[in-house]
Amino acid sequence: MTTRTTLPVRASDPDTSHEAAAKAVTIRPRIREQVLAALTDHGPMTHDDLMVHVSASPSGVRTRTSELVHDGLVEAVPDNAGTSGLGNRARLWRAVNV
């Protein structure tokens, strides 16, 4: 049996959820760095474009991008849209420092 964590999981959640939450704490900063580096190095991209450069799930990329927007490091490109992998219009993101 594993030790329970004080991470955002319920006390009633299974041990596997606690293990995943503990692992996420160490992975989250690495994914943020990858998202910011990709936008800095390659310019504006959609979430689908970012998936090529970032080792994370689609939801992980979206969440880390949202965190970077909240921190003022990434922003949506105003009045411009890219194309998703399915051919739909998609928001473009860019690093603020570029």
Protein backbone atom coordinates (compact mmCIF):
# COMPACT_ATOMS: atom_id res chain seq x y z
CA MET A 1 0.00 0.00 0.00
CA THR A 2 1.26 3.49 -0.86
CA THR A 3 1.39 6.54 1.36
CA ARG A 4 -1.47 8.98 0.84
CA THR A 5 -0.52 12.45 -0.36
CA THR A 6 -1.89 15.91 0.41
CA LEU A 7 -2.37 16.59 -3.30
CA PRO A 8 -5.69 17.45 -5.01
CA VAL A 9 -7.22 14.01 -4.65
CA ARG A 10 -9.97 12.85 -2.34
CA ALA A 11 -9.10 10.74 0.68
CA SER A 12 -11.48 8.11 -0.72
CA ASP A 13 -9.66 7.94 -4.09
CA PRO A 14 -7.69 4.76 -4.77
CA ASP A 15 -3.95 4.60 -4.19
CA THR A 16 -3.36 4.82 -7.95
CA SER A 17 -4.96 8.29 -8.00
CA HIS A 18 -2.68 9.45 -5.21
CA GLU A 19 0.34 8.06 -7.06
CA ALA A 20 -0.69 9.83 -10.28
CA ALA A 21 -1.20 13.14 -8.43
CA ALA A 22 2.25 12.88 -6.86
CA LYS A 23 3.82 12.19 -10.26
CA ALA A 24 1.96 15.10 -11.88
CA VAL A 25 3.58 17.54 -9.47
CA THR A 26 7.01 16.69 -10.88
CA ILE A 27 5.91 16.49 -14.54
CA ARG A 28 3.84 19.70 -14.68
CA PRO A 29 6.83 22.15 -14.68
CA ARG A 30 8.58 20.19 -17.46
CA ILE A 31 5.52 20.35 -19.70
CA ARG A 32 5.12 24.09 -19.04
CA GLU A 33 8.75 24.60 -20.08
CA GLN A 34 8.22 22.57 -23.26
CA VAL A 35 5.10 24.56 -24.22
CA LEU A 36 6.82 27.91 -23.63
CA ALA A 37 10.00 26.81 -25.45
CA ALA A 38 8.02 25.58 -28.46
CA LEU A 39 6.12 28.87 -28.75
CA THR A 40 9.32 30.87 -28.27
CA ASP A 41 11.34 28.85 -30.78
CA HIS A 42 8.69 28.20 -33.46
CA GLY A 43 6.26 31.10 -33.17
CA PRO A 44 2.46 30.99 -32.88
CA MET A 45 0.86 27.54 -32.81
CA THR A 46 -2.44 25.84 -32.16
CA HIS A 47 -2.78 23.21 -29.46
CA ASP A 48 -2.56 20.55 -32.18
CA ASP A 49 0.71 22.09 -33.42
CA LEU A 50 2.07 22.12 -29.87
CA MET A 51 1.46 18.37 -29.58
CA VAL A 52 4.29 17.80 -32.07
CA HIS A 53 6.75 19.57 -29.75
CA VAL A 54 5.51 18.63 -26.27
CA SER A 55 5.59 15.24 -24.56
CA ALA A 56 2.16 15.34 -22.94
CA SER A 57 -1.47 14.45 -23.48
CA PRO A 58 -3.71 16.91 -25.35
CA SER A 59 -5.42 17.86 -22.09
CA GLY A 60 -2.01 18.35 -20.46
CA VAL A 61 -0.94 20.71 -23.23
CA ARG A 62 -4.20 22.68 -22.98
CA THR A 63 -3.96 22.93 -19.20
CA ARG A 64 -0.30 24.01 -19.19
CA THR A 65 -1.04 26.57 -21.94
CA SER A 66 -3.89 27.95 -19.83
CA GLU A 67 -1.58 28.20 -16.81
CA LEU A 68 1.01 30.06 -18.90
CA VAL A 69 -1.69 32.48 -20.11
CA HIS A 70 -2.74 33.06 -16.51
CA ASP A 71 0.91 33.76 -15.60
CA GLY A 72 1.24 36.28 -18.46
CA LEU A 73 3.82 34.25 -20.39
CA VAL A 74 1.58 33.15 -23.28
CA GLU A 75 -1.30 34.89 -25.04
CA ALA A 76 -3.80 34.23 -27.80
CA VAL A 77 -2.90 35.83 -31.11
CA PRO A 78 -5.60 38.48 -31.61
CA ASP A 79 -7.59 38.53 -34.85
CA ASN A 80 -5.85 35.42 -36.16
CA ALA A 81 -6.64 31.72 -36.22
CA GLY A 82 -4.83 28.59 -37.25
CA THR A 83 -6.23 25.26 -38.36
CA SER A 84 -6.78 22.24 -36.16
CA GLY A 85 -5.79 18.73 -37.14
CA LEU A 86 -9.40 18.23 -38.26
CA GLY A 87 -9.32 21.31 -40.49
CA ASN A 88 -11.35 23.55 -38.19
CA ARG A 89 -10.41 27.06 -37.13
CA ALA A 90 -8.30 26.96 -33.98
CA ARG A 91 -6.88 29.60 -31.67
CA LEU A 92 -3.22 30.45 -32.14
CA TRP A 93 -1.02 30.88 -29.07
CA ARG A 94 2.24 32.79 -28.84
CA ALA A 95 4.90 33.48 -26.23
CA VAL A 96 4.60 37.01 -24.86
CA ASN A 97 8.37 37.59 -24.75
CA VAL A 98 8.83 37.10 -28.51
